[in-house]
Amino acid sequence: MGHRGATAYRPEHTTASFELAIDLGADLVEPDVVVSRDGALVVRHENELSHSTDVAGRPEFADRRTTRVVDGRERTGWFTEDFTLAELRTLRTVERMPALRPLNTTYDGREGILTLADVVGIARRRSTADRQVRVLAELKKPSWFDHEAGVPMAELVAAELRRLGSAGPDGTVVVQSFDAAALRRLRADLGHRGPTMLQLVDDAGCDDHLVTPAGLREVSTYAQGIAPSRHRILLRDADQAMTGVSGLIAQAHRAGLLVVPWTLRPENAFLPRHLRRGEAPSGTGDMRTEARLLLALGVDGLITDAPEIAVAARAELYSPRPSRTSSRSGAVPGLR
């Protein structure tokens, strides 16, 4: 899965990023989904806009700057729920991590904000009879939007999936979220034959209950898989040295769940110490070995900023690539 596209090489959530991810071999592209004031499903990393757009330099929107508490954290900036889709379309995208990815800043200002429907359109246009490109849509803070912003995100998503003809398990869109309650609401709305869904699992302690045997069985009642932080599989110490592997993949498979870890990135800053090359955090390390290890351990997919590296690692282990998909219920075509 191309994480927000091919974000190692282009600013995230842009047409260029999604199209490059597909060109580099991604089977799915992964946008984050938030909501505008008028209920449009737009793709941004979060609902605060200042890190990924030029909104801070737009005088016509200076009065929209505000402070808001999101998930217990006080944030100051410009928020999607204070803008209509038409207003958001006037903003231009910029690289969100310029210090680590300075070359990406050459693309700043070239593109505008996309909607979920736009990304689905890209995937469908780039699909062929032999290769179906799909969209892994991450719903960002749907319960917060519902309770704090008064925007029923899960209802909007269900309606949009129906409109796009993607409300079934084989549709273009696969859904993931950290918000278990929202995934349950979506499952209740769209039914057992609704879209394939993944429960995101952070490496923070608040998600520990999701990866217990009882938690995994509970997840299997509404989702087809888990998307855990890769740190829950490849264990590290405080010095970022790798210390071992967990049994999470086997435990999840026993519960009938797919396992799709996130997010593999090529820069040294994100790699375990033994896979870094040179001293610069922005330097390119050995992500291929990390991808190969996860694949060898049996994951069903990889979410990555550099799809071609994961594709190369897969080719090393599965050559020729198996034509079958996983036999587990709800398996996503194209993951393996």
C-alpha atoms as a PDB file:
ATOM      1  CA  MET A   1       0.000   0.000   0.000  1.00  0.00           C
ATOM      2  CA  GLY A   2       1.339   3.398  -0.981  1.00  0.00           C
ATOM      3  CA  HIS A   3       1.070   5.426   2.223  1.00  0.00           C
ATOM      4  CA  ARG A   4      -0.638   8.682   1.174  1.00  0.00           C
ATOM      5  CA  GLY A   5       0.860   7.821  -2.200  1.00  0.00           C
ATOM      6  CA  ALA A   6       4.609   7.589  -2.748  1.00  0.00           C
ATOM      7  CA  THR A   7       5.401  10.100  -0.040  1.00  0.00           C
ATOM      8  CA  ALA A   8       9.127   9.422   0.025  1.00  0.00           C
ATOM      9  CA  TYR A   9       9.221  11.214  -3.334  1.00  0.00           C
ATOM     10  CA  ARG A  10       6.215  13.555  -3.598  1.00  0.00           C
ATOM     11  CA  PRO A  11       4.142  15.615  -1.126  1.00  0.00           C
ATOM     12  CA  GLU A  12       1.497  13.417   0.460  1.00  0.00           C
ATOM     13  CA  HIS A  13      -2.095  13.199  -0.738  1.00  0.00           C
ATOM     14  CA  THR A  14      -1.405  14.690  -4.156  1.00  0.00           C
ATOM     15  CA  THR A  15      -2.352  13.260  -7.537  1.00  0.00           C
ATOM     16  CA  ALA A  16       1.360  13.038  -8.349  1.00  0.00           C
ATOM     17  CA  SER A  17       2.008  11.045  -5.172  1.00  0.00           C
ATOM     18  CA  PHE A  18      -0.839   8.572  -5.727  1.00  0.00           C
ATOM     19  CA  GLU A  19      -0.021   8.082  -9.413  1.00  0.00           C
ATOM     20  CA  LEU A  20       3.662   7.567  -8.682  1.00  0.00           C
ATOM     21  CA  ALA A  21       2.804   4.966  -6.024  1.00  0.00           C
ATOM     22  CA  ILE A  22       0.819   3.041  -8.627  1.00  0.00           C
ATOM     23  CA  ASP A  23       3.663   3.367 -11.138  1.00  0.00           C
ATOM     24  CA  LEU A  24       6.050   1.991  -8.497  1.00  0.00           C
ATOM     25  CA  GLY A  25       3.906  -1.125  -8.016  1.00  0.00           C
ATOM     26  CA  ALA A  26       1.512  -0.346  -5.158  1.00  0.00           C
ATOM     27  CA  ASP A  27      -1.580  -2.570  -5.160  1.00  0.00           C
ATOM     28  CA  LEU A  28      -3.454  -0.038  -3.031  1.00  0.00           C
ATOM     29  CA  VAL A  29      -3.025   3.662  -2.283  1.00  0.00           C
ATOM     30  CA  GLU A  30      -3.772   4.928   1.223  1.00  0.00           C
ATOM     31  CA  PRO A  31      -5.389   8.329   1.816  1.00  0.00           C
ATOM     32  CA  ASP A  32      -6.333   9.745   5.210  1.00  0.00           C
ATOM     33  CA  VAL A  33      -9.913  11.041   5.260  1.00  0.00           C
ATOM     34  CA  VAL A  34     -11.242  14.045   7.206  1.00  0.00           C
ATOM     35  CA  VAL A  35     -14.380  16.164   6.771  1.00  0.00           C
ATOM     36  CA  SER A  36     -15.103  19.699   5.576  1.00  0.00           C
ATOM     37  CA  ARG A  37     -17.712  22.059   7.019  1.00  0.00           C
ATOM     38  CA  ASP A  38     -20.187  21.057   4.316  1.00  0.00           C
ATOM     39  CA  GLY A  39     -19.659  17.331   4.788  1.00  0.00           C
ATOM     40  CA  ALA A  40     -17.177  16.593   1.999  1.00  0.00           C
ATOM     41  CA  LEU A  41     -14.714  13.752   2.588  1.00  0.00           C
ATOM     42  CA  VAL A  42     -11.328  15.296   1.891  1.00  0.00           C
ATOM     43  CA  VAL A  43      -7.908  13.666   2.118  1.00  0.00           C
ATOM     44  CA  ARG A  44      -5.447  15.188   4.581  1.00  0.00           C
ATOM     45  CA  HIS A  45      -3.177  13.661   7.212  1.00  0.00           C
ATOM     46  CA  GLU A  46      -5.232  15.393   9.898  1.00  0.00           C
ATOM     47  CA  ASN A  47      -7.921  18.028  10.171  1.00  0.00           C
ATOM     48  CA  GLU A  48      -5.336  20.734  11.013  1.00  0.00           C
ATOM     49  CA  LEU A  49      -4.053  22.145   7.725  1.00  0.00           C
ATOM     50  CA  SER A  50      -0.992  24.287   8.411  1.00  0.00           C
ATOM     51  CA  HIS A  51       1.651  21.545   8.006  1.00  0.00           C
ATOM     52  CA  SER A  52       0.475  20.226   4.644  1.00  0.00           C
ATOM     53  CA  THR A  53      -0.976  23.280   2.848  1.00  0.00           C
ATOM     54  CA  ASP A  54      -0.219  26.964   2.308  1.00  0.00           C
ATOM     55  CA  VAL A  55      -3.153  28.097   4.478  1.00  0.00           C
ATOM     56  CA  ALA A  56      -0.919  29.996   6.946  1.00  0.00           C
ATOM     57  CA  GLY A  57       0.151  32.334   4.159  1.00  0.00           C
ATOM     58  CA  ARG A  58      -3.351  33.022   2.872  1.00  0.00           C
ATOM     59  CA  PRO A  59      -4.599  36.374   4.263  1.00  0.00           C
ATOM     60  CA  GLU A  60      -8.198  35.672   3.278  1.00  0.00           C
ATOM     61  CA  PHE A  61      -8.251  32.834   5.817  1.00  0.00           C
ATOM     62  CA  ALA A  62      -6.322  34.529   8.643  1.00  0.00           C
ATOM     63  CA  ASP A  63      -9.483  34.835  10.747  1.00  0.00           C
ATOM     64  CA  ARG A  64     -10.024  31.055  10.622  1.00  0.00           C
ATOM     65  CA  ARG A  65      -6.979  30.388  12.803  1.00  0.00           C
ATOM     66  CA  THR A  66      -8.174  28.980  16.095  1.00  0.00           C
ATOM     67  CA  THR A  67      -7.270  26.719  19.003  1.00  0.00           C
ATOM     68  CA  ARG A  68      -9.063  23.435  19.422  1.00  0.00           C
ATOM     69  CA  VAL A  69      -8.668  20.348  21.627  1.00  0.00           C
ATOM     70  CA  VAL A  70      -8.446  17.203  19.477  1.00  0.00           C
ATOM     71  CA  ASP A  71      -8.090  13.829  21.186  1.00  0.00           C
ATOM     72  CA  GLY A  72      -7.058  15.551  24.413  1.00  0.00           C
ATOM     73  CA  ARG A  73      -4.366  17.692  22.764  1.00  0.00           C
ATOM     74  CA  GLU A  74      -4.607  21.434  22.330  1.00  0.00           C
ATOM     75  CA  ARG A  75      -3.931  22.376  18.710  1.00  0.00           C
ATOM     76  CA  THR A  76      -3.712  25.831  17.134  1.00  0.00           C
ATOM     77  CA  GLY A  77      -4.146  26.277  13.399  1.00  0.00           C
ATOM     78  CA  TRP A  78      -6.670  25.979  10.609  1.00  0.00           C
ATOM     79  CA  PHE A  79      -9.116  23.067  10.634  1.00  0.00           C
ATOM     80  CA  THR A  80     -10.948  21.398   7.762  1.00  0.00           C
ATOM     81  CA  GLU A  81     -14.282  21.545   9.571  1.00  0.00           C
ATOM     82  CA  ASP A  82     -14.131  25.366   9.385  1.00  0.00           C
ATOM     83  CA  PHE A  83     -13.839  25.368   5.564  1.00  0.00           C
ATOM     84  CA  THR A  84     -16.197  24.422   2.766  1.00  0.00           C
ATOM     85  CA  LEU A  85     -14.933  22.104   0.070  1.00  0.00           C
ATOM     86  CA  ALA A  86     -14.836  25.023  -2.379  1.00  0.00           C
ATOM     87  CA  GLU A  87     -12.581  26.955   0.005  1.00  0.00           C
ATOM     88  CA  LEU A  88     -10.341  23.954   0.607  1.00  0.00           C
ATOM     89  CA  ARG A  89      -9.949  23.522  -3.145  1.00  0.00           C
ATOM     90  CA  THR A  90      -8.239  26.931  -3.299  1.00  0.00           C
ATOM     91  CA  LEU A  91      -5.403  25.817  -0.984  1.00  0.00           C
ATOM     92  CA  ARG A  92      -2.172  24.395  -2.341  1.00  0.00           C
ATOM     93  CA  THR A  93      -0.364  21.372  -0.913  1.00  0.00           C
ATOM     94  CA  VAL A  94       3.166  21.403   0.508  1.00  0.00           C
ATOM     95  CA  GLU A  95       5.628  18.809   1.828  1.00  0.00           C
ATOM     96  CA  ARG A  96       4.753  17.967   5.452  1.00  0.00           C
ATOM     97  CA  MET A  97       8.283  16.892   6.487  1.00  0.00           C
ATOM     98  CA  PRO A  98      10.581  19.332   4.644  1.00  0.00           C
ATOM     99  CA  ALA A  99      13.586  18.759   6.927  1.00  0.00           C
ATOM    100  CA  LEU A 100      13.635  15.022   6.145  1.00  0.00           C
ATOM    101  CA  ARG A 101      12.451  15.298   2.535  1.00  0.00           C
ATOM    102  CA  PRO A 102      13.825  18.568   1.162  1.00  0.00           C
ATOM    103  CA  LEU A 103      13.644  17.422  -2.464  1.00  0.00           C
ATOM    104  CA  ASN A 104       9.865  17.057  -2.137  1.00  0.00           C
ATOM    105  CA  THR A 105       9.568  20.794  -1.484  1.00  0.00           C
ATOM    106  CA  THR A 106      10.244  21.415  -5.183  1.00  0.00           C
ATOM    107  CA  TYR A 107       6.669  20.228  -5.739  1.00  0.00           C
ATOM    108  CA  ASP A 108       5.151  22.629  -3.183  1.00  0.00           C
ATOM    109  CA  GLY A 109       2.205  24.626  -4.447  1.00  0.00           C
ATOM    110  CA  ARG A 110       1.630  22.595  -7.590  1.00  0.00           C
ATOM    111  CA  GLU A 111      -1.530  20.788  -6.515  1.00  0.00           C
ATOM    112  CA  GLY A 112      -4.728  21.280  -4.552  1.00  0.00           C
ATOM    113  CA  ILE A 113      -6.672  19.225  -2.037  1.00  0.00           C
ATOM    114  CA  LEU A 114      -8.357  16.016  -3.214  1.00  0.00           C
ATOM    115  CA  THR A 115     -11.492  14.239  -2.038  1.00  0.00           C
ATOM    116  CA  LEU A 116     -11.930  10.525  -1.373  1.00  0.00           C
ATOM    117  CA  ALA A 117     -13.877  10.321  -4.632  1.00  0.00           C
ATOM    118  CA  ASP A 118     -10.924  11.880  -6.462  1.00  0.00           C
ATOM    119  CA  VAL A 119      -8.576   9.184  -5.145  1.00  0.00           C
ATOM    120  CA  VAL A 120     -11.040   6.438  -6.052  1.00  0.00           C
ATOM    121  CA  GLY A 121     -11.157   7.946  -9.537  1.00  0.00           C
ATOM    122  CA  ILE A 122      -7.349   7.795  -9.797  1.00  0.00           C
ATOM    123  CA  ALA A 123      -7.317   4.136  -8.717  1.00  0.00           C
ATOM    124  CA  ARG A 124     -10.033   3.193 -11.175  1.00  0.00           C
ATOM    125  CA  ARG A 125      -8.447   5.051 -14.081  1.00  0.00           C
ATOM    126  CA  ARG A 126      -5.131   3.332 -13.436  1.00  0.00           C
ATOM    127  CA  SER A 127      -6.655  -0.149 -13.018  1.00  0.00           C
ATOM    128  CA  THR A 128      -6.550  -2.693 -15.833  1.00  0.00           C
ATOM    129  CA  ALA A 129      -8.122  -6.063 -16.464  1.00  0.00           C
ATOM    130  CA  ASP A 130      -4.986  -7.668 -15.013  1.00  0.00           C
ATOM    131  CA  ARG A 131      -4.403  -5.256 -12.169  1.00  0.00           C
ATOM    132  CA  GLN A 132      -7.071  -3.756  -9.936  1.00  0.00           C
ATOM    133  CA  VAL A 133      -5.736  -0.819  -7.944  1.00  0.00           C
ATOM    134  CA  ARG A 134      -7.673  -0.230  -4.717  1.00  0.00           C
ATOM    135  CA  VAL A 135      -7.908   2.484  -2.095  1.00  0.00           C
ATOM    136  CA  LEU A 136      -7.177   1.927   1.615  1.00  0.00           C
ATOM    137  CA  ALA A 137      -9.060   4.827   3.211  1.00  0.00           C
ATOM    138  CA  GLU A 138      -8.097   5.714   6.774  1.00  0.00           C
ATOM    139  CA  LEU A 139     -10.898   7.468   8.641  1.00  0.00           C
ATOM    140  CA  LYS A 140      -9.306  10.087  10.901  1.00  0.00           C
ATOM    141  CA  LYS A 141     -10.997  10.726  14.249  1.00  0.00           C
ATOM    142  CA  PRO A 142     -14.572   9.914  13.143  1.00  0.00           C
ATOM    143  CA  SER A 143     -15.981   9.850  16.694  1.00  0.00           C
ATOM    144  CA  TRP A 144     -14.331  13.218  17.414  1.00  0.00           C
ATOM    145  CA  PHE A 145     -15.904  14.711  14.290  1.00  0.00           C
ATOM    146  CA  ASP A 146     -19.258  13.320  15.375  1.00  0.00           C
ATOM    147  CA  HIS A 147     -19.195  14.512  18.988  1.00  0.00           C
ATOM    148  CA  GLU A 148     -17.075  17.675  18.855  1.00  0.00           C
ATOM    149  CA  ALA A 149     -17.580  19.046  15.347  1.00  0.00           C
ATOM    150  CA  GLY A 150     -21.139  17.826  14.862  1.00  0.00           C
ATOM    151  CA  VAL A 151     -20.239  16.006  11.628  1.00  0.00           C
ATOM    152  CA  PRO A 152     -21.483  12.375  11.353  1.00  0.00           C
ATOM    153  CA  MET A 153     -18.403  11.037   9.583  1.00  0.00           C
ATOM    154  CA  ALA A 154     -19.326   7.331   9.641  1.00  0.00           C
ATOM    155  CA  GLU A 155     -22.708   8.118   8.062  1.00  0.00           C
ATOM    156  CA  LEU A 156     -21.065  10.290   5.413  1.00  0.00           C
ATOM    157  CA  VAL A 157     -18.564   7.541   4.599  1.00  0.00           C
ATOM    158  CA  ALA A 158     -21.290   4.895   4.295  1.00  0.00           C
ATOM    159  CA  ALA A 159     -23.291   7.134   1.977  1.00  0.00           C
ATOM    160  CA  GLU A 160     -20.225   7.931  -0.157  1.00  0.00           C
ATOM    161  CA  LEU A 161     -19.240   4.275  -0.465  1.00  0.00           C
ATOM    162  CA  ARG A 162     -22.741   3.477  -1.693  1.00  0.00           C
ATOM    163  CA  ARG A 163     -22.612   6.378  -4.162  1.00  0.00           C
ATOM    164  CA  LEU A 164     -19.236   5.190  -5.452  1.00  0.00           C
ATOM    165  CA  GLY A 165     -20.453   1.606  -5.801  1.00  0.00           C
ATOM    166  CA  SER A 166     -17.862   0.494  -3.268  1.00  0.00           C
ATOM    167  CA  ALA A 167     -19.957  -0.655  -0.326  1.00  0.00           C
ATOM    168  CA  GLY A 168     -19.138  -4.357  -0.727  1.00  0.00           C
ATOM    169  CA  PRO A 169     -16.123  -6.530   0.175  1.00  0.00           C
ATOM    170  CA  ASP A 170     -14.746  -6.510  -3.363  1.00  0.00           C
ATOM    171  CA  GLY A 171     -15.236  -2.788  -3.963  1.00  0.00           C
ATOM    172  CA  THR A 172     -12.485  -0.313  -4.722  1.00  0.00           C
ATOM    173  CA  VAL A 173     -12.346   0.970  -1.134  1.00  0.00           C
ATOM    174  CA  VAL A 174     -10.966  -0.816   1.920  1.00  0.00           C
ATOM    175  CA  VAL A 175     -11.523   1.057   5.200  1.00  0.00           C
ATOM    176  CA  GLN A 176      -9.261   1.354   8.227  1.00  0.00           C
ATOM    177  CA  SER A 177      -9.345   3.426  11.408  1.00  0.00           C
ATOM    178  CA  PHE A 178      -7.998   3.564  14.941  1.00  0.00           C
ATOM    179  CA  ASP A 179     -11.581   4.288  16.013  1.00  0.00           C
ATOM    180  CA  ALA A 180     -13.137   0.894  16.764  1.00  0.00           C
ATOM    181  CA  ALA A 181     -16.528   2.404  17.585  1.00  0.00           C
ATOM    182  CA  ALA A 182     -16.695   4.057  14.169  1.00  0.00           C
ATOM    183  CA  LEU A 183     -15.755   0.818  12.406  1.00  0.00           C
ATOM    184  CA  ARG A 184     -18.519  -0.963  14.304  1.00  0.00           C
ATOM    185  CA  ARG A 185     -21.009   1.737  13.256  1.00  0.00           C
ATOM    186  CA  LEU A 186     -19.922   1.391   9.653  1.00  0.00           C
ATOM    187  CA  ARG A 187     -20.241  -2.394   9.812  1.00  0.00           C
ATOM    188  CA  ALA A 188     -23.735  -2.099  11.296  1.00  0.00           C
ATOM    189  CA  ASP A 189     -24.734   0.364   8.570  1.00  0.00           C
ATOM    190  CA  LEU A 190     -23.289  -1.526   5.593  1.00  0.00           C
ATOM    191  CA  GLY A 191     -23.767  -5.041   6.942  1.00  0.00           C
ATOM    192  CA  HIS A 192     -21.770  -8.249   6.932  1.00  0.00           C
ATOM    193  CA  ARG A 193     -21.236  -7.943   3.175  1.00  0.00           C
ATOM    194  CA  GLY A 194     -19.932  -4.414   3.573  1.00  0.00           C
ATOM    195  CA  PRO A 195     -16.403  -3.267   2.749  1.00  0.00           C
ATOM    196  CA  THR A 196     -13.273  -4.998   3.976  1.00  0.00           C
ATOM    197  CA  MET A 197     -12.099  -3.194   7.121  1.00  0.00           C
ATOM    198  CA  LEU A 198      -8.889  -3.099   9.142  1.00  0.00           C
ATOM    199  CA  GLN A 199      -8.532  -2.087  12.782  1.00  0.00           C
ATOM    200  CA  LEU A 200      -5.513   0.174  13.141  1.00  0.00           C
ATOM    201  CA  VAL A 201      -3.408  -0.525  16.243  1.00  0.00           C
ATOM    202  CA  ASP A 202      -0.995   2.042  17.642  1.00  0.00           C
ATOM    203  CA  ASP A 203       2.127   1.060  19.559  1.00  0.00           C
ATOM    204  CA  ALA A 204       0.908   3.130  22.514  1.00  0.00           C
ATOM    205  CA  GLY A 205      -0.292   1.254  25.583  1.00  0.00           C
ATOM    206  CA  CYS A 206      -3.885   2.422  25.119  1.00  0.00           C
ATOM    207  CA  ASP A 207      -4.218  -0.101  22.265  1.00  0.00           C
ATOM    208  CA  ASP A 208      -2.746  -3.065  24.138  1.00  0.00           C
ATOM    209  CA  HIS A 209      -6.206  -4.552  24.686  1.00  0.00           C
ATOM    210  CA  LEU A 210      -6.715  -4.921  20.933  1.00  0.00           C
ATOM    211  CA  VAL A 211      -3.863  -7.412  20.553  1.00  0.00           C
ATOM    212  CA  THR A 212      -4.793  -9.773  23.391  1.00  0.00           C
ATOM    213  CA  PRO A 213      -6.460 -13.051  22.355  1.00  0.00           C
ATOM    214  CA  ALA A 214      -9.814 -11.696  23.527  1.00  0.00           C
ATOM    215  CA  GLY A 215      -9.212  -8.372  21.790  1.00  0.00           C
ATOM    216  CA  LEU A 216      -8.339 -10.009  18.490  1.00  0.00           C
ATOM    217  CA  ARG A 217     -11.450 -12.162  18.663  1.00  0.00           C
ATOM    218  CA  GLU A 218     -13.507  -9.017  19.281  1.00  0.00           C
ATOM    219  CA  VAL A 219     -11.903  -7.256  16.304  1.00  0.00           C
ATOM    220  CA  SER A 220     -12.834 -10.234  14.118  1.00  0.00           C
ATOM    221  CA  THR A 221     -16.529  -9.547  14.789  1.00  0.00           C
ATOM    222  CA  TYR A 222     -16.442  -6.302  12.763  1.00  0.00           C
ATOM    223  CA  ALA A 223     -13.168  -6.222  10.785  1.00  0.00           C
ATOM    224  CA  GLN A 224     -11.222  -8.556   8.543  1.00  0.00           C
ATOM    225  CA  GLY A 225      -7.803  -7.570   9.773  1.00  0.00           C
ATOM    226  CA  ILE A 226      -5.536  -5.452  11.918  1.00  0.00           C
ATOM    227  CA  ALA A 227      -3.090  -2.783  10.783  1.00  0.00           C
ATOM    228  CA  PRO A 228      -0.626  -2.566  13.673  1.00  0.00           C
ATOM    229  CA  SER A 229       2.390  -0.355  14.091  1.00  0.00           C
ATOM    230  CA  ARG A 230       5.344  -2.399  12.858  1.00  0.00           C
ATOM    231  CA  HIS A 231       6.897  -1.774  16.291  1.00  0.00           C
ATOM    232  CA  ARG A 232       4.418  -4.303  17.690  1.00  0.00           C
ATOM    233  CA  ILE A 233       6.021  -6.945  15.456  1.00  0.00           C
ATOM    234  CA  LEU A 234       9.680  -5.902  15.148  1.00  0.00           C
ATOM    235  CA  LEU A 235      10.590  -4.987  18.704  1.00  0.00           C
ATOM    236  CA  ARG A 236      13.081  -2.228  19.553  1.00  0.00           C
ATOM    237  CA  ASP A 237      14.644  -0.876  22.710  1.00  0.00           C
ATOM    238  CA  ALA A 238      14.936   2.776  23.732  1.00  0.00           C
ATOM    239  CA  ASP A 239      18.097   3.136  21.618  1.00  0.00           C
ATOM    240  CA  GLN A 240      16.229   1.925  18.516  1.00  0.00           C
ATOM    241  CA  ALA A 241      18.139  -1.338  18.429  1.00  0.00           C
ATOM    242  CA  MET A 242      16.043  -4.302  17.323  1.00  0.00           C
ATOM    243  CA  THR A 243      15.584  -6.801  20.146  1.00  0.00           C
ATOM    244  CA  GLY A 244      13.364  -9.492  18.636  1.00  0.00           C
ATOM    245  CA  VAL A 245       9.994 -10.247  17.074  1.00  0.00           C
ATOM    246  CA  SER A 246       6.599 -10.705  18.665  1.00  0.00           C
ATOM    247  CA  GLY A 247       4.009 -13.416  18.079  1.00  0.00           C
ATOM    248  CA  LEU A 248       1.336 -10.965  16.932  1.00  0.00           C
ATOM    249  CA  ILE A 249       1.156 -12.166  13.321  1.00  0.00           C
ATOM    250  CA  ALA A 250       0.466 -15.770  14.296  1.00  0.00           C
ATOM    251  CA  GLN A 251      -1.989 -14.719  17.011  1.00  0.00           C
ATOM    252  CA  ALA A 252      -3.950 -12.542  14.581  1.00  0.00           C
ATOM    253  CA  HIS A 253      -3.973 -15.236  11.910  1.00  0.00           C
ATOM    254  CA  ARG A 254      -5.365 -17.708  14.434  1.00  0.00           C
ATOM    255  CA  ALA A 255      -8.215 -15.246  14.973  1.00  0.00           C
ATOM    256  CA  GLY A 256      -8.829 -15.192  11.207  1.00  0.00           C
ATOM    257  CA  LEU A 257      -7.430 -11.689  10.763  1.00  0.00           C
ATOM    258  CA  LEU A 258      -5.156 -10.215   8.119  1.00  0.00           C
ATOM    259  CA  VAL A 259      -2.064  -8.348   9.365  1.00  0.00           C
ATOM    260  CA  VAL A 260      -0.978  -5.183   7.532  1.00  0.00           C
ATOM    261  CA  PRO A 261       1.684  -3.209   9.474  1.00  0.00           C
ATOM    262  CA  TRP A 262       2.579   0.473   9.040  1.00  0.00           C
ATOM    263  CA  THR A 263       4.578   2.525   8.076  1.00  0.00           C
ATOM    264  CA  LEU A 264       7.811   1.486   6.370  1.00  0.00           C
ATOM    265  CA  ARG A 265       9.936   4.498   5.414  1.00  0.00           C
ATOM    266  CA  PRO A 266      13.365   4.565   3.762  1.00  0.00           C
ATOM    267  CA  GLU A 267      14.999   7.327   5.816  1.00  0.00           C
ATOM    268  CA  ASN A 268      17.385   6.501   8.663  1.00  0.00           C
ATOM    269  CA  ALA A 269      15.178   8.402  11.115  1.00  0.00           C
ATOM    270  CA  PHE A 270      12.544   5.657  10.902  1.00  0.00           C
ATOM    271  CA  LEU A 271      14.691   2.525  10.692  1.00  0.00           C
ATOM    272  CA  PRO A 272      16.126   0.315  13.444  1.00  0.00           C
ATOM    273  CA  ARG A 273      19.705   1.198  14.224  1.00  0.00           C
ATOM    274  CA  HIS A 274      21.351  -1.696  12.368  1.00  0.00           C
ATOM    275  CA  LEU A 275      19.601  -0.778   9.108  1.00  0.00           C
ATOM    276  CA  ARG A 276      20.677   2.867   9.073  1.00  0.00           C
ATOM    277  CA  ARG A 277      23.312   3.963   6.595  1.00  0.00           C
ATOM    278  CA  GLY A 278      25.373   7.002   7.571  1.00  0.00           C
ATOM    279  CA  GLU A 279      24.607   9.535  10.295  1.00  0.00           C
ATOM    280  CA  ALA A 280      22.069  11.840   8.622  1.00  0.00           C
ATOM    281  CA  PRO A 281      18.466  11.235   9.769  1.00  0.00           C
ATOM    282  CA  SER A 282      17.339  12.043   6.211  1.00  0.00           C
ATOM    283  CA  GLY A 283      19.791   9.586   4.675  1.00  0.00           C
ATOM    284  CA  THR A 284      18.490   6.484   2.933  1.00  0.00           C
ATOM    285  CA  GLY A 285      18.897   3.293   4.923  1.00  0.00           C
ATOM    286  CA  ASP A 286      18.026  -0.355   4.288  1.00  0.00           C
ATOM    287  CA  MET A 287      14.221  -0.401   4.327  1.00  0.00           C
ATOM    288  CA  ARG A 288      14.296  -3.387   1.984  1.00  0.00           C
ATOM    289  CA  THR A 289      15.609  -5.652   4.717  1.00  0.00           C
ATOM    290  CA  GLU A 290      12.896  -4.467   7.116  1.00  0.00           C
ATOM    291  CA  ALA A 291      10.251  -5.173   4.454  1.00  0.00           C
ATOM    292  CA  ARG A 292      11.730  -8.580   3.672  1.00  0.00           C
ATOM    293  CA  LEU A 293      11.716  -9.551   7.346  1.00  0.00           C
ATOM    294  CA  LEU A 294       8.069  -8.587   7.819  1.00  0.00           C
ATOM    295  CA  LEU A 295       7.067 -10.466   4.679  1.00  0.00           C
ATOM    296  CA  ALA A 296       9.024 -13.534   5.773  1.00  0.00           C
ATOM    297  CA  LEU A 297       7.225 -13.423   9.112  1.00  0.00           C
ATOM    298  CA  GLY A 298       3.923 -13.731   7.231  1.00  0.00           C
ATOM    299  CA  VAL A 299       2.283 -10.293   7.040  1.00  0.00           C
ATOM    300  CA  ASP A 300      -0.481  -9.901   4.463  1.00  0.00           C
ATOM    301  CA  GLY A 301       0.593  -6.471   3.239  1.00  0.00           C
ATOM    302  CA  LEU A 302       2.842  -3.515   3.946  1.00  0.00           C
ATOM    303  CA  ILE A 303       1.966   0.165   4.246  1.00  0.00           C
ATOM    304  CA  THR A 304       4.955   2.142   3.005  1.00  0.00           C
ATOM    305  CA  ASP A 305       6.143   5.523   1.770  1.00  0.00           C
ATOM    306  CA  ALA A 306       8.392   3.821  -0.822  1.00  0.00           C
ATOM    307  CA  PRO A 307       6.315   1.170  -2.618  1.00  0.00           C
ATOM    308  CA  GLU A 308       9.022   0.060  -5.057  1.00  0.00           C
ATOM    309  CA  ILE A 309      11.272  -1.068  -2.191  1.00  0.00           C
ATOM    310  CA  ALA A 310       8.532  -3.243  -0.722  1.00  0.00           C
ATOM    311  CA  VAL A 311       7.703  -4.596  -4.195  1.00  0.00           C
ATOM    312  CA  ALA A 312      11.363  -5.587  -4.651  1.00  0.00           C
ATOM    313  CA  ALA A 313      11.409  -7.303  -1.260  1.00  0.00           C
ATOM    314  CA  ARG A 314       8.238  -9.202  -2.142  1.00  0.00           C
ATOM    315  CA  ALA A 315       9.730 -10.310  -5.451  1.00  0.00           C
ATOM    316  CA  GLU A 316      12.723 -11.780  -3.613  1.00  0.00           C
ATOM    317  CA  LEU A 317      10.478 -13.954  -1.444  1.00  0.00           C
ATOM    318  CA  TYR A 318       7.652 -14.711  -3.884  1.00  0.00           C
ATOM    319  CA  SER A 319       9.118 -15.290  -7.326  1.00  0.00           C
ATOM    320  CA  PRO A 320       7.146 -15.983  -9.382  1.00  0.00           C
ATOM    321  CA  ARG A 321       4.540 -14.070  -7.382  1.00  0.00           C
ATOM    322  CA  PRO A 322       1.724 -16.371  -6.178  1.00  0.00           C
ATOM    323  CA  SER A 323      -1.516 -15.913  -8.109  1.00  0.00           C
ATOM    324  CA  ARG A 324      -3.702 -16.934  -5.193  1.00  0.00           C
ATOM    325  CA  THR A 325      -4.846 -14.585  -2.455  1.00  0.00           C
ATOM    326  CA  SER A 326      -5.041 -15.446   1.207  1.00  0.00           C
ATOM    327  CA  SER A 327      -7.692 -18.013   2.039  1.00  0.00           C
ATOM    328  CA  ARG A 328      -8.707 -16.227   5.204  1.00  0.00           C
ATOM    329  CA  SER A 329     -12.193 -14.748   5.123  1.00  0.00           C
ATOM    330  CA  GLY A 330     -12.219 -11.172   3.897  1.00  0.00           C
ATOM    331  CA  ALA A 331      -8.730 -11.340   2.337  1.00  0.00           C
ATOM    332  CA  VAL A 332      -7.978  -8.266   0.271  1.00  0.00           C
ATOM    333  CA  PRO A 333      -7.078  -9.062  -3.368  1.00  0.00           C
ATOM    334  CA  GLY A 334      -3.567  -7.931  -4.213  1.00  0.00           C
ATOM    335  CA  LEU A 335      -2.093  -8.029  -0.720  1.00  0.00           C
ATOM    336  CA  ARG A 336       0.082 -11.077  -1.396  1.00  0.00           C
END
